[in-house]
Amino acid sequence: MNLIINGHVREFSASKTLEDVLKELSLAGKVMAAAVNMDIVKQDSWSTYYLKDGDKLELLDFVGGG
């Protein structure tokens, strides 16, 4: 399964949830917001939201600064 994550194609061996992908990329706990195909997915749904081949993910982390 291929996913486009923040503009980069990544290959995964099988269907995965959004939470599985974050864990595999070592991003669990670091990502604050996620959109799949331009639709926001709430954090409490990440463990049950299954991704499909070709999905486009945007993973965001909020950074403070000035």
C-alpha atoms as a PDB file:
ATOM      1  CA  MET A   1       0.000   0.000   0.000  1.00  0.00           C
ATOM      2  CA  ASN A   2       1.352   3.415  -0.961  1.00  0.00           C
ATOM      3  CA  LEU A   3       0.526   6.544   1.013  1.00  0.00           C
ATOM      4  CA  ILE A   4       1.513  10.111   0.276  1.00  0.00           C
ATOM      5  CA  ILE A   5       2.622  11.637   3.567  1.00  0.00           C
ATOM      6  CA  ASN A   6       3.354  15.367   3.586  1.00  0.00           C
ATOM      7  CA  GLY A   7       4.108  15.145  -0.139  1.00  0.00           C
ATOM      8  CA  HIS A   8       6.358  12.060  -0.001  1.00  0.00           C
ATOM      9  CA  VAL A   9       5.347   8.588  -1.184  1.00  0.00           C
ATOM     10  CA  ARG A  10       5.813   5.920   1.477  1.00  0.00           C
ATOM     11  CA  GLU A  11       5.183   2.197   1.021  1.00  0.00           C
ATOM     12  CA  PHE A  12       3.564   0.032   3.704  1.00  0.00           C
ATOM     13  CA  SER A  13       3.140  -3.746   3.699  1.00  0.00           C
ATOM     14  CA  ALA A  14      -0.575  -3.907   4.508  1.00  0.00           C
ATOM     15  CA  SER A  15      -3.676  -1.928   5.322  1.00  0.00           C
ATOM     16  CA  LYS A  16      -3.081   0.096   8.462  1.00  0.00           C
ATOM     17  CA  THR A  17      -4.875   2.511  10.717  1.00  0.00           C
ATOM     18  CA  LEU A  18      -3.713   6.087  10.973  1.00  0.00           C
ATOM     19  CA  GLU A  19      -2.384   5.294  14.441  1.00  0.00           C
ATOM     20  CA  ASP A  20      -0.405   2.304  13.073  1.00  0.00           C
ATOM     21  CA  VAL A  21       1.254   4.534  10.481  1.00  0.00           C
ATOM     22  CA  LEU A  22       2.207   7.130  13.099  1.00  0.00           C
ATOM     23  CA  LYS A  23       3.752   4.426  15.289  1.00  0.00           C
ATOM     24  CA  GLU A  24       5.645   2.902  12.359  1.00  0.00           C
ATOM     25  CA  LEU A  25       7.052   6.346  11.465  1.00  0.00           C
ATOM     26  CA  SER A  26       7.952   7.025  15.138  1.00  0.00           C
ATOM     27  CA  LEU A  27       5.552   9.963  15.185  1.00  0.00           C
ATOM     28  CA  ALA A  28       3.134   8.730  17.847  1.00  0.00           C
ATOM     29  CA  GLY A  29       2.696  11.493  20.411  1.00  0.00           C
ATOM     30  CA  LYS A  30       4.353  14.071  18.144  1.00  0.00           C
ATOM     31  CA  VAL A  31       1.582  14.709  15.609  1.00  0.00           C
ATOM     32  CA  MET A  32      -1.147  17.065  16.813  1.00  0.00           C
ATOM     33  CA  ALA A  33      -3.427  17.054  13.756  1.00  0.00           C
ATOM     34  CA  ALA A  34      -3.961  14.784  10.785  1.00  0.00           C
ATOM     35  CA  ALA A  35      -5.856  15.170   7.526  1.00  0.00           C
ATOM     36  CA  VAL A  36      -6.549  12.375   5.058  1.00  0.00           C
ATOM     37  CA  ASN A  37      -7.401  13.518   1.537  1.00  0.00           C
ATOM     38  CA  MET A  38      -7.949  17.046   2.908  1.00  0.00           C
ATOM     39  CA  ASP A  39     -10.426  15.885   5.600  1.00  0.00           C
ATOM     40  CA  ILE A  40      -9.460  16.344   9.248  1.00  0.00           C
ATOM     41  CA  VAL A  41      -9.462  13.089  11.247  1.00  0.00           C
ATOM     42  CA  LYS A  42     -10.047  13.628  14.965  1.00  0.00           C
ATOM     43  CA  GLN A  43      -7.433  12.139  17.276  1.00  0.00           C
ATOM     44  CA  ASP A  44      -9.903   9.869  19.032  1.00  0.00           C
ATOM     45  CA  SER A  45     -10.574   8.153  15.655  1.00  0.00           C
ATOM     46  CA  TRP A  46      -6.947   7.492  14.669  1.00  0.00           C
ATOM     47  CA  SER A  47      -6.948   3.939  16.059  1.00  0.00           C
ATOM     48  CA  THR A  48     -10.002   2.930  13.997  1.00  0.00           C
ATOM     49  CA  TYR A  49      -9.439   4.987  10.830  1.00  0.00           C
ATOM     50  CA  TYR A  50      -8.156   2.588   8.161  1.00  0.00           C
ATOM     51  CA  LEU A  51      -6.119   4.096   5.333  1.00  0.00           C
ATOM     52  CA  LYS A  52      -6.451   3.064   1.697  1.00  0.00           C
ATOM     53  CA  ASP A  53      -3.859   2.763  -1.058  1.00  0.00           C
ATOM     54  CA  GLY A  54      -3.138   6.206  -2.504  1.00  0.00           C
ATOM     55  CA  ASP A  55      -4.473   8.209   0.461  1.00  0.00           C
ATOM     56  CA  LYS A  56      -2.837  11.597   0.962  1.00  0.00           C
ATOM     57  CA  LEU A  57      -1.932  12.372   4.569  1.00  0.00           C
ATOM     58  CA  GLU A  58      -0.956  15.714   5.992  1.00  0.00           C
ATOM     59  CA  LEU A  59       0.519  15.363   9.471  1.00  0.00           C
ATOM     60  CA  LEU A  60       0.938  18.538  11.487  1.00  0.00           C
ATOM     61  CA  ASP A  61       2.728  19.462  14.683  1.00  0.00           C
ATOM     62  CA  PHE A  62       2.153  22.845  16.256  1.00  0.00           C
ATOM     63  CA  VAL A  63       5.298  24.773  17.083  1.00  0.00           C
ATOM     64  CA  GLY A  64       5.351  27.875  19.226  1.00  0.00           C
ATOM     65  CA  GLY A  65       7.676  30.721  18.593  1.00  0.00           C
ATOM     66  CA  GLY A  66       7.870  34.313  17.720  1.00  0.00           C
END
